[in-house]
N, C-alpha and C. Protein backbone atom coordinates (compact mmCIF):
# COMPACT_ATOMS: atom_id res chain seq x y z
N MET A 1 48.16 140.22 -180.59
CA MET A 1 46.67 140.53 -180.46
C MET A 1 46.56 141.90 -180.91
N ASP A 2 45.71 142.07 -181.99
CA ASP A 2 45.29 143.28 -182.59
C ASP A 2 44.68 144.25 -181.49
N VAL A 3 44.98 145.49 -181.67
CA VAL A 3 44.41 146.45 -180.58
C VAL A 3 42.89 146.57 -180.47
N PHE A 4 42.22 146.30 -181.77
CA PHE A 4 40.75 146.37 -181.75
C PHE A 4 40.18 145.09 -181.10
N GLU A 5 40.86 143.95 -181.24
CA GLU A 5 40.45 142.73 -180.58
C GLU A 5 40.63 142.82 -179.04
N ALA A 6 41.66 143.45 -178.68
CA ALA A 6 41.90 143.63 -177.13
C ALA A 6 40.94 144.49 -176.67
N ILE A 7 40.54 145.76 -177.29
CA ILE A 7 39.53 146.62 -176.76
C ILE A 7 38.29 145.89 -176.61
N LYS A 8 37.91 145.16 -177.74
CA LYS A 8 36.48 144.56 -177.73
C LYS A 8 36.57 143.31 -176.91
N GLY A 9 37.54 142.60 -176.60
CA GLY A 9 37.68 141.43 -175.86
C GLY A 9 37.93 141.49 -174.31
N ARG A 10 38.37 142.64 -173.99
CA ARG A 10 38.77 142.87 -172.52
C ARG A 10 37.42 142.85 -171.75
N ARG A 11 37.45 142.03 -170.59
CA ARG A 11 36.24 142.15 -169.66
C ARG A 11 36.72 142.46 -168.29
N SER A 12 35.84 142.93 -167.43
CA SER A 12 36.07 143.12 -166.00
C SER A 12 35.83 141.68 -165.33
N ILE A 13 36.86 141.16 -164.88
CA ILE A 13 36.81 139.76 -164.33
C ILE A 13 37.08 139.92 -162.84
N ARG A 14 36.16 139.04 -162.13
CA ARG A 14 36.32 139.24 -160.60
C ARG A 14 36.73 137.89 -160.00
N ARG A 15 36.82 136.75 -160.79
CA ARG A 15 37.23 135.59 -160.27
C ARG A 15 38.57 135.02 -161.06
N TYR A 16 39.55 134.75 -160.12
CA TYR A 16 40.94 134.36 -160.81
C TYR A 16 41.35 133.13 -160.38
N LYS A 17 42.13 132.40 -161.25
CA LYS A 17 42.79 131.11 -160.85
C LYS A 17 43.82 131.53 -159.85
N THR A 18 44.33 130.51 -159.23
CA THR A 18 45.34 130.73 -158.15
C THR A 18 46.77 130.71 -158.75
N ASP A 19 46.84 130.41 -160.01
CA ASP A 19 48.12 130.39 -160.65
C ASP A 19 48.88 131.64 -160.47
N ASP A 20 50.15 131.51 -160.16
CA ASP A 20 51.09 132.56 -160.00
C ASP A 20 51.27 133.50 -161.36
N VAL A 21 51.40 134.73 -161.33
CA VAL A 21 51.60 135.44 -162.55
C VAL A 21 53.07 135.79 -162.65
N PRO A 22 53.82 135.27 -163.73
CA PRO A 22 55.23 135.46 -163.77
C PRO A 22 55.60 136.96 -163.79
N GLU A 23 56.72 137.27 -163.17
CA GLU A 23 57.36 138.79 -163.15
C GLU A 23 57.41 139.25 -164.59
N GLU A 24 57.67 138.50 -165.63
CA GLU A 24 57.70 138.99 -167.04
C GLU A 24 56.33 139.51 -167.42
N LYS A 25 55.22 138.90 -167.14
CA LYS A 25 54.00 139.48 -167.41
C LYS A 25 53.63 140.67 -166.67
N ILE A 26 54.02 140.75 -165.45
CA ILE A 26 53.74 141.93 -164.67
C ILE A 26 54.51 143.17 -165.22
N ASN A 27 55.78 142.90 -165.57
CA ASN A 27 56.68 143.94 -166.16
C ASN A 27 56.10 144.33 -167.50
N ALA A 28 55.57 143.38 -168.29
CA ALA A 28 54.99 143.81 -169.64
C ALA A 28 53.81 144.68 -169.55
N VAL A 29 52.91 144.48 -168.53
CA VAL A 29 51.67 145.28 -168.34
C VAL A 29 52.12 146.66 -167.92
N LEU A 30 53.17 146.66 -166.87
CA LEU A 30 53.61 147.90 -166.31
C LEU A 30 54.24 148.74 -167.44
N ASP A 31 55.05 148.07 -168.41
CA ASP A 31 55.68 148.79 -169.50
C ASP A 31 54.61 149.43 -170.35
N ALA A 32 53.45 148.64 -170.56
CA ALA A 32 52.39 149.31 -171.33
C ALA A 32 51.91 150.46 -170.82
N ALA A 33 51.71 150.48 -169.36
CA ALA A 33 51.13 151.56 -168.74
C ALA A 33 51.97 152.65 -168.61
N ARG A 34 53.27 152.57 -168.69
CA ARG A 34 54.25 153.74 -168.68
C ARG A 34 54.28 154.37 -170.08
N TRP A 35 53.85 153.78 -170.92
CA TRP A 35 53.77 154.31 -172.46
C TRP A 35 52.53 155.18 -172.66
N ALA A 36 51.68 155.11 -171.58
CA ALA A 36 50.37 156.00 -171.86
C ALA A 36 50.68 157.42 -171.92
N PRO A 37 49.93 158.22 -172.66
CA PRO A 37 50.22 159.61 -172.70
C PRO A 37 49.84 160.25 -171.35
N SER A 38 50.48 161.42 -171.20
CA SER A 38 50.15 162.15 -169.92
C SER A 38 50.28 163.66 -170.26
N TRP A 39 49.74 164.43 -169.37
CA TRP A 39 49.77 165.86 -169.49
C TRP A 39 51.27 166.40 -169.58
N LYS A 40 51.56 166.98 -170.71
CA LYS A 40 52.92 167.43 -170.90
C LYS A 40 54.00 166.42 -170.60
N ASN A 41 53.76 165.16 -170.82
CA ASN A 41 54.54 164.00 -170.62
C ASN A 41 55.11 164.07 -169.14
N THR A 42 54.33 164.46 -168.19
CA THR A 42 54.74 164.49 -166.82
C THR A 42 54.79 163.17 -166.17
N GLN A 43 54.11 162.11 -166.72
CA GLN A 43 54.14 160.87 -166.21
C GLN A 43 53.99 160.69 -164.70
N CYS A 44 52.77 161.13 -164.39
CA CYS A 44 52.56 161.12 -162.86
C CYS A 44 52.10 159.87 -162.32
N SER A 45 51.79 158.90 -163.20
CA SER A 45 51.22 157.53 -162.75
C SER A 45 52.42 156.76 -162.03
N ARG A 46 51.97 156.16 -160.80
CA ARG A 46 52.84 155.28 -160.00
C ARG A 46 52.17 154.06 -159.79
N PHE A 47 52.82 152.94 -159.64
CA PHE A 47 52.24 151.63 -159.41
C PHE A 47 52.80 150.87 -158.25
N VAL A 48 51.99 150.37 -157.41
CA VAL A 48 52.43 149.55 -156.33
C VAL A 48 51.97 148.10 -156.63
N VAL A 49 52.98 147.10 -156.82
CA VAL A 49 52.60 145.78 -157.02
C VAL A 49 52.49 144.97 -155.77
N VAL A 50 51.23 144.46 -155.45
CA VAL A 50 51.06 143.77 -154.18
C VAL A 50 50.77 142.29 -154.47
N ARG A 51 51.58 141.41 -153.85
CA ARG A 51 51.49 140.11 -153.97
C ARG A 51 51.11 139.61 -152.54
N ASP A 52 51.52 140.22 -151.49
CA ASP A 52 51.30 139.74 -150.09
C ASP A 52 49.86 139.58 -149.79
N LYS A 53 49.53 138.43 -149.29
CA LYS A 53 48.11 138.17 -148.98
C LYS A 53 47.51 138.90 -147.96
N ASP A 54 48.28 139.14 -146.88
CA ASP A 54 47.75 140.05 -145.74
C ASP A 54 47.59 141.47 -146.23
N THR A 55 48.33 142.00 -147.02
CA THR A 55 48.16 143.42 -147.60
C THR A 55 46.95 143.43 -148.48
N LYS A 56 46.72 142.47 -149.26
CA LYS A 56 45.67 142.40 -150.17
C LYS A 56 44.32 142.43 -149.26
N LEU A 57 44.36 141.55 -148.12
CA LEU A 57 43.13 141.53 -147.25
C LEU A 57 42.86 142.84 -146.62
N LYS A 58 43.89 143.43 -146.26
CA LYS A 58 43.71 144.89 -145.64
C LYS A 58 43.22 145.90 -146.54
N LEU A 59 43.64 145.71 -147.80
CA LEU A 59 43.24 146.55 -148.84
C LEU A 59 41.73 146.35 -149.28
N ALA A 60 41.35 145.12 -149.12
CA ALA A 60 39.95 144.69 -149.55
C ALA A 60 39.06 145.33 -148.52
N ASP A 61 39.64 145.39 -147.22
CA ASP A 61 38.72 145.98 -146.17
C ASP A 61 38.48 147.47 -146.39
N THR A 62 39.17 148.22 -147.33
CA THR A 62 38.96 149.57 -147.59
C THR A 62 37.84 149.72 -148.62
N LEU A 63 37.47 148.60 -149.27
CA LEU A 63 36.32 148.66 -150.34
C LEU A 63 34.95 149.17 -149.75
N GLY A 64 34.43 150.07 -150.32
CA GLY A 64 33.01 150.48 -149.92
C GLY A 64 31.95 149.59 -150.56
N GLY A 65 30.73 149.56 -150.07
CA GLY A 65 29.63 148.85 -150.48
C GLY A 65 28.97 149.61 -151.62
N VAL A 66 28.25 148.74 -152.47
CA VAL A 66 27.42 149.34 -153.56
C VAL A 66 26.01 149.16 -153.37
N ARG A 67 25.40 150.28 -153.43
CA ARG A 67 23.81 150.36 -153.10
C ARG A 67 23.46 149.35 -151.97
N GLY A 68 24.22 149.59 -150.78
CA GLY A 68 23.79 148.86 -149.67
C GLY A 68 24.41 147.41 -149.60
N GLY A 69 25.08 146.91 -150.58
CA GLY A 69 25.53 145.61 -150.57
C GLY A 69 27.15 145.68 -150.46
N ALA A 70 27.62 144.52 -150.53
CA ALA A 70 29.11 144.33 -150.63
C ALA A 70 29.69 144.85 -151.94
N ASN A 71 30.87 145.36 -151.98
CA ASN A 71 31.54 145.64 -153.18
C ASN A 71 31.86 144.40 -154.02
N PRO A 72 31.40 144.28 -155.31
CA PRO A 72 31.54 143.09 -155.97
C PRO A 72 32.96 142.83 -156.37
N SER A 73 33.85 143.78 -156.06
CA SER A 73 35.27 143.46 -156.48
C SER A 73 36.04 143.06 -155.19
N ALA A 74 35.45 142.99 -154.04
CA ALA A 74 36.22 142.64 -152.78
C ALA A 74 36.87 141.21 -152.98
N ASP A 75 36.23 140.23 -153.51
CA ASP A 75 36.80 138.93 -153.58
C ASP A 75 37.97 138.98 -154.50
N ALA A 76 38.05 139.65 -155.56
CA ALA A 76 38.91 139.89 -156.50
C ALA A 76 40.19 140.49 -155.91
N VAL A 77 40.04 141.49 -155.16
CA VAL A 77 41.10 142.19 -154.46
C VAL A 77 41.86 141.22 -153.48
N LYS A 78 40.94 140.48 -152.79
CA LYS A 78 41.49 139.53 -151.77
C LYS A 78 42.27 138.28 -152.43
N ASN A 79 41.62 137.79 -153.56
CA ASN A 79 42.15 136.56 -154.08
C ASN A 79 42.87 136.59 -155.33
N ALA A 80 42.94 137.67 -156.00
CA ALA A 80 43.71 137.62 -157.38
C ALA A 80 45.28 137.54 -156.91
N PRO A 81 45.99 136.90 -157.71
CA PRO A 81 47.37 136.54 -157.41
C PRO A 81 48.17 137.97 -157.24
N VAL A 82 47.77 138.93 -157.94
CA VAL A 82 48.56 140.35 -157.97
C VAL A 82 47.48 141.29 -157.83
N LEU A 83 47.77 142.26 -157.07
CA LEU A 83 46.94 143.54 -156.96
C LEU A 83 47.86 144.73 -157.40
N ILE A 84 47.57 145.41 -158.41
CA ILE A 84 48.33 146.70 -158.91
C ILE A 84 47.47 147.83 -158.41
N VAL A 85 48.09 148.68 -157.58
CA VAL A 85 47.54 149.78 -156.99
C VAL A 85 48.04 151.00 -157.80
N ILE A 86 47.09 151.70 -158.39
CA ILE A 86 47.55 152.77 -159.39
C ILE A 86 47.48 154.01 -158.57
N CYS A 87 48.43 154.72 -158.57
CA CYS A 87 48.59 156.07 -157.86
C CYS A 87 49.01 157.13 -158.67
N ALA A 88 48.96 158.44 -158.19
CA ALA A 88 49.37 159.56 -159.02
C ALA A 88 50.20 160.50 -158.12
N LYS A 89 51.38 160.93 -158.62
CA LYS A 89 52.21 161.93 -158.01
C LYS A 89 51.48 163.24 -158.35
N MET A 90 51.16 163.99 -157.23
CA MET A 90 50.52 165.25 -157.45
C MET A 90 51.38 166.38 -157.86
N GLY A 91 50.60 167.47 -158.30
CA GLY A 91 51.28 168.69 -158.58
C GLY A 91 51.97 168.81 -159.99
N ARG A 92 51.71 167.71 -160.74
CA ARG A 92 52.18 167.55 -162.10
C ARG A 92 51.29 167.70 -163.22
N SER A 93 50.19 166.96 -163.23
CA SER A 93 49.27 167.04 -164.28
C SER A 93 48.25 168.23 -164.25
N GLY A 94 48.15 168.86 -165.25
CA GLY A 94 47.11 169.98 -165.33
C GLY A 94 47.80 171.37 -164.95
N TYR A 95 49.15 171.36 -164.84
CA TYR A 95 49.78 172.62 -164.51
C TYR A 95 50.56 173.18 -165.80
N ASP A 96 50.60 174.46 -165.79
CA ASP A 96 51.47 175.07 -166.81
C ASP A 96 52.81 175.25 -166.37
N ASP A 97 53.83 175.85 -167.21
CA ASP A 97 55.13 175.96 -166.89
C ASP A 97 55.41 176.84 -165.61
N ASP A 98 54.56 177.68 -165.28
CA ASP A 98 54.68 178.51 -164.09
C ASP A 98 54.14 177.92 -162.71
N ARG A 99 53.78 176.63 -162.92
CA ARG A 99 53.23 175.81 -161.88
C ARG A 99 51.92 176.24 -161.33
N LYS A 100 51.04 176.90 -162.30
CA LYS A 100 49.72 177.29 -162.08
C LYS A 100 48.79 176.31 -162.67
N ILE A 101 47.61 176.02 -162.12
CA ILE A 101 46.66 175.22 -162.72
C ILE A 101 46.22 175.79 -164.09
N ALA A 102 46.31 174.89 -165.07
CA ALA A 102 46.10 175.45 -166.53
C ALA A 102 44.74 175.27 -166.98
N THR A 103 43.74 174.34 -166.48
CA THR A 103 42.52 174.03 -167.08
C THR A 103 41.52 174.20 -166.06
N ASP A 104 40.29 174.11 -166.62
CA ASP A 104 39.14 174.32 -165.72
C ASP A 104 38.81 173.13 -164.97
N LYS A 105 39.60 171.93 -165.17
CA LYS A 105 39.58 170.75 -164.29
C LYS A 105 40.32 170.85 -163.14
N GLY A 106 41.03 171.93 -162.91
CA GLY A 106 41.75 172.09 -161.75
C GLY A 106 42.95 171.12 -161.61
N ASP A 107 43.43 170.61 -160.48
CA ASP A 107 44.52 169.67 -160.37
C ASP A 107 43.90 168.18 -160.56
N TYR A 108 42.70 168.08 -161.02
CA TYR A 108 42.09 166.65 -161.11
C TYR A 108 42.57 165.97 -162.45
N TRP A 109 43.45 166.75 -163.26
CA TRP A 109 43.99 166.05 -164.45
C TRP A 109 44.54 164.69 -164.23
N TYR A 110 45.15 164.53 -163.08
CA TYR A 110 45.78 163.37 -162.71
C TYR A 110 44.94 162.19 -162.92
N MET A 111 43.65 162.33 -162.71
CA MET A 111 42.72 161.29 -162.86
C MET A 111 42.64 160.82 -164.26
N PHE A 112 42.69 161.79 -165.20
CA PHE A 112 42.78 161.47 -166.67
C PHE A 112 44.03 160.61 -166.95
N ASP A 113 45.19 161.29 -166.43
CA ASP A 113 46.43 160.56 -166.81
C ASP A 113 46.51 159.10 -166.24
N THR A 114 46.03 158.92 -165.11
CA THR A 114 46.20 157.58 -164.45
C THR A 114 45.13 156.63 -165.19
N GLY A 115 43.88 157.23 -165.52
CA GLY A 115 42.98 156.47 -166.41
C GLY A 115 43.53 155.98 -167.69
N LEU A 116 44.41 156.84 -168.39
CA LEU A 116 45.03 156.31 -169.62
C LEU A 116 46.00 155.19 -169.31
N ALA A 117 46.71 155.42 -168.24
CA ALA A 117 47.77 154.33 -167.84
C ALA A 117 46.99 153.07 -167.56
N ALA A 118 45.90 153.20 -166.75
CA ALA A 118 45.09 152.03 -166.33
C ALA A 118 44.57 151.32 -167.56
N GLN A 119 44.13 152.02 -168.56
CA GLN A 119 43.59 151.39 -169.87
C GLN A 119 44.59 150.70 -170.53
N ASN A 120 45.76 151.38 -170.72
CA ASN A 120 46.89 150.60 -171.31
C ASN A 120 47.22 149.29 -170.58
N LEU A 121 47.30 149.34 -169.24
CA LEU A 121 47.63 148.23 -168.41
C LEU A 121 46.53 147.13 -168.64
N MET A 122 45.39 147.45 -168.50
CA MET A 122 44.31 146.45 -168.71
C MET A 122 44.26 145.85 -170.08
N LEU A 123 44.42 146.59 -171.22
CA LEU A 123 44.46 146.05 -172.48
C LEU A 123 45.59 145.09 -172.72
N ALA A 124 46.89 145.58 -172.15
CA ALA A 124 47.98 144.69 -172.21
C ALA A 124 47.91 143.43 -171.38
N ALA A 125 47.23 143.47 -170.42
CA ALA A 125 47.04 142.36 -169.48
C ALA A 125 46.14 141.31 -170.38
N HIS A 126 45.10 141.90 -170.88
CA HIS A 126 44.35 140.93 -171.79
C HIS A 126 45.05 140.22 -172.84
N ALA A 127 45.93 141.10 -173.54
CA ALA A 127 46.79 140.58 -174.65
C ALA A 127 47.79 139.56 -174.26
N VAL A 128 48.12 139.45 -172.90
CA VAL A 128 49.08 138.39 -172.51
C VAL A 128 48.30 137.37 -171.71
N GLY A 129 46.98 137.37 -171.82
CA GLY A 129 46.26 136.27 -171.26
C GLY A 129 45.79 136.46 -169.73
N LEU A 130 46.00 137.73 -169.25
CA LEU A 130 45.56 138.09 -167.98
C LEU A 130 44.27 138.74 -167.89
N ALA A 131 43.72 138.82 -166.81
CA ALA A 131 42.36 139.65 -166.71
C ALA A 131 42.52 140.54 -165.45
N SER A 132 41.61 141.53 -165.52
CA SER A 132 41.62 142.61 -164.43
C SER A 132 40.16 143.08 -164.13
N VAL A 133 40.05 143.92 -163.13
CA VAL A 133 38.87 144.82 -163.00
C VAL A 133 39.18 145.98 -162.20
N PRO A 134 38.82 147.10 -162.80
CA PRO A 134 39.16 148.33 -162.10
C PRO A 134 38.15 148.37 -160.82
N ALA A 135 38.78 148.69 -159.68
CA ALA A 135 38.02 148.95 -158.49
C ALA A 135 38.34 150.38 -157.97
N GLY A 136 37.20 151.26 -157.85
CA GLY A 136 37.42 152.55 -157.42
C GLY A 136 36.69 153.04 -156.25
N LEU A 137 35.73 152.19 -155.82
CA LEU A 137 34.98 152.55 -154.61
C LEU A 137 35.63 152.01 -153.33
N PHE A 138 36.57 152.85 -152.84
CA PHE A 138 37.35 152.39 -151.65
C PHE A 138 37.97 153.65 -150.81
N ASP A 139 38.29 153.38 -149.76
CA ASP A 139 38.85 154.44 -148.98
C ASP A 139 40.32 154.67 -149.28
N ALA A 140 40.54 155.60 -150.27
CA ALA A 140 41.93 155.83 -150.86
C ALA A 140 42.77 156.23 -149.73
N PRO A 141 42.43 157.12 -148.71
CA PRO A 141 43.50 157.57 -147.75
C PRO A 141 43.87 156.39 -146.89
N LYS A 142 42.98 155.47 -146.59
CA LYS A 142 43.26 154.32 -145.72
C LYS A 142 44.19 153.30 -146.54
N ALA A 143 43.96 153.17 -147.84
CA ALA A 143 44.69 152.37 -148.64
C ALA A 143 46.20 152.96 -148.79
N ALA A 144 46.18 154.25 -148.83
CA ALA A 144 47.48 154.93 -148.81
C ALA A 144 48.32 154.71 -147.44
N GLU A 145 47.62 154.77 -146.42
CA GLU A 145 48.22 154.40 -145.15
C GLU A 145 48.84 152.91 -145.07
N ILE A 146 48.01 152.01 -145.49
CA ILE A 146 48.40 150.72 -145.57
C ILE A 146 49.66 150.36 -146.34
N LEU A 147 49.73 151.12 -147.54
CA LEU A 147 50.90 151.00 -148.39
C LEU A 147 52.10 151.90 -148.14
N GLY A 148 51.99 152.77 -147.12
CA GLY A 148 52.98 153.74 -146.91
C GLY A 148 53.23 154.76 -148.04
N VAL A 149 52.12 155.13 -148.64
CA VAL A 149 52.14 156.05 -149.80
C VAL A 149 52.42 157.46 -149.29
N PRO A 150 53.38 158.26 -149.80
CA PRO A 150 53.64 159.59 -149.27
C PRO A 150 52.50 160.52 -149.57
N ALA A 151 52.56 161.68 -148.82
CA ALA A 151 51.41 162.67 -148.79
C ALA A 151 51.34 163.27 -150.27
N ASP A 152 52.31 163.35 -151.04
CA ASP A 152 52.20 163.97 -152.33
C ASP A 152 51.83 163.04 -153.39
N VAL A 153 51.26 161.84 -153.01
CA VAL A 153 50.85 160.82 -153.95
C VAL A 153 49.47 160.47 -153.60
N ARG A 154 48.54 160.26 -154.58
CA ARG A 154 47.15 159.92 -154.35
C ARG A 154 47.02 158.39 -154.82
N VAL A 155 46.22 157.60 -154.05
CA VAL A 155 45.83 156.28 -154.55
C VAL A 155 44.55 156.48 -155.31
N VAL A 156 44.53 155.99 -156.57
CA VAL A 156 43.42 156.21 -157.52
C VAL A 156 42.62 155.00 -157.65
N MET A 157 43.32 153.75 -157.94
CA MET A 157 42.55 152.65 -158.31
C MET A 157 43.35 151.37 -157.79
N LEU A 158 42.35 150.45 -157.45
CA LEU A 158 42.86 149.10 -157.06
C LEU A 158 42.58 148.20 -158.33
N LEU A 159 43.60 147.42 -158.82
CA LEU A 159 43.39 146.57 -160.06
C LEU A 159 43.76 145.21 -159.75
N PRO A 160 42.98 144.30 -159.49
CA PRO A 160 43.26 142.93 -159.33
C PRO A 160 43.70 142.39 -160.74
N LEU A 161 44.72 141.50 -160.75
CA LEU A 161 45.26 140.95 -162.03
C LEU A 161 45.56 139.50 -161.78
N GLY A 162 45.16 138.65 -162.78
CA GLY A 162 45.46 137.33 -162.76
C GLY A 162 44.89 136.56 -164.00
N TYR A 163 44.96 135.25 -163.90
CA TYR A 163 44.45 134.46 -165.01
C TYR A 163 43.01 134.27 -164.71
N PRO A 164 42.08 134.48 -165.63
CA PRO A 164 40.65 134.50 -165.41
C PRO A 164 40.16 133.12 -165.14
N ASP A 165 39.16 133.11 -164.16
CA ASP A 165 38.38 131.85 -163.82
C ASP A 165 36.91 131.96 -164.12
N GLU A 166 36.68 132.80 -164.98
CA GLU A 166 35.37 133.03 -165.43
C GLU A 166 35.26 133.69 -166.86
N GLU A 167 34.21 133.49 -167.53
CA GLU A 167 33.98 134.06 -168.85
C GLU A 167 32.73 134.97 -168.75
N ARG A 168 32.99 136.13 -169.31
CA ARG A 168 31.85 137.12 -169.30
C ARG A 168 31.59 137.56 -170.71
N ALA A 169 30.29 137.61 -170.98
CA ALA A 169 29.86 138.10 -172.35
C ALA A 169 30.16 139.76 -172.31
N ALA A 170 30.13 140.19 -173.48
CA ALA A 170 30.29 141.73 -173.74
C ALA A 170 28.86 142.32 -173.29
N PRO A 171 28.97 143.34 -172.46
CA PRO A 171 27.75 144.09 -172.16
C PRO A 171 27.38 144.88 -173.31
N PRO A 172 26.06 145.29 -173.44
CA PRO A 172 25.53 146.02 -174.58
C PRO A 172 26.27 147.38 -174.63
N ARG A 173 26.53 147.91 -175.84
CA ARG A 173 27.04 149.17 -176.10
C ARG A 173 26.09 150.01 -176.91
N LYS A 174 26.15 151.30 -176.60
CA LYS A 174 25.36 152.27 -177.42
C LYS A 174 25.83 152.28 -178.81
N GLY A 175 24.96 152.72 -179.77
CA GLY A 175 25.49 152.91 -181.21
C GLY A 175 26.25 154.16 -181.35
N ILE A 176 27.00 154.18 -182.36
CA ILE A 176 27.82 155.39 -182.53
C ILE A 176 26.93 156.58 -182.72
N ALA A 177 25.75 156.45 -183.34
CA ALA A 177 24.90 157.63 -183.51
C ALA A 177 24.45 158.09 -182.19
N GLU A 178 24.39 157.28 -181.12
CA GLU A 178 23.82 157.64 -179.81
C GLU A 178 24.99 158.43 -179.09
N ILE A 179 26.23 158.31 -179.34
CA ILE A 179 27.27 158.87 -178.59
C ILE A 179 28.08 159.88 -179.36
N SER A 180 27.64 160.18 -180.56
CA SER A 180 28.49 161.23 -181.38
C SER A 180 27.61 162.00 -182.14
N SER A 181 28.11 163.17 -182.37
CA SER A 181 27.49 164.10 -183.30
C SER A 181 28.43 164.86 -184.09
N LEU A 182 28.04 165.60 -185.23
CA LEU A 182 28.94 166.28 -186.14
C LEU A 182 28.76 167.70 -186.00
N ASP A 183 29.85 168.39 -185.73
CA ASP A 183 29.90 169.90 -185.68
C ASP A 183 29.34 170.57 -184.31
N ARG A 184 28.25 170.00 -183.89
CA ARG A 184 27.59 170.56 -182.71
C ARG A 184 27.10 169.44 -181.85
N TYR A 185 27.12 169.68 -180.61
CA TYR A 185 26.53 168.61 -179.65
C TYR A 185 25.14 168.48 -179.80
N LYS A 186 24.60 167.30 -179.85
CA LYS A 186 23.03 167.07 -179.91
C LYS A 186 22.69 166.15 -178.88
């Protein structure tokens, strides 16, 4: 699949078939994620692959509501055949060689690095016939506790993964002229 086709064709899917996802496909998407760029190639992203139904149910319970309602990704977290939990090893991204924070973003640069890895993972998933939806509104410390994540690692995103059981149209996008300018911000 062409990269532009993958970018324009990927959708956030919340309903999945019950079909098992082969290990080869999981390894393929994880391989794409590990090739994402990162701050000074520190590769802070870590991934927990969850197949266990009880663990997925516990993680779904960490999801917060949206505007007073249930989180629309809760069923996906519970029912997708695979849940990839994207984490970040702290103290790596955004630091200079003297271990001092190097940017005005502080130590939050790990969010950028894990975002790049997540995007690679989601595009690769789409390219191999899988679907995903990034879920970010959840109790990350509680999710870390459920998964036994060490204190120097942050849980960043829950990413249900499986074969899509729905089709979604592309949402509208702003035009290039609305999002870009030449030489100065407008």
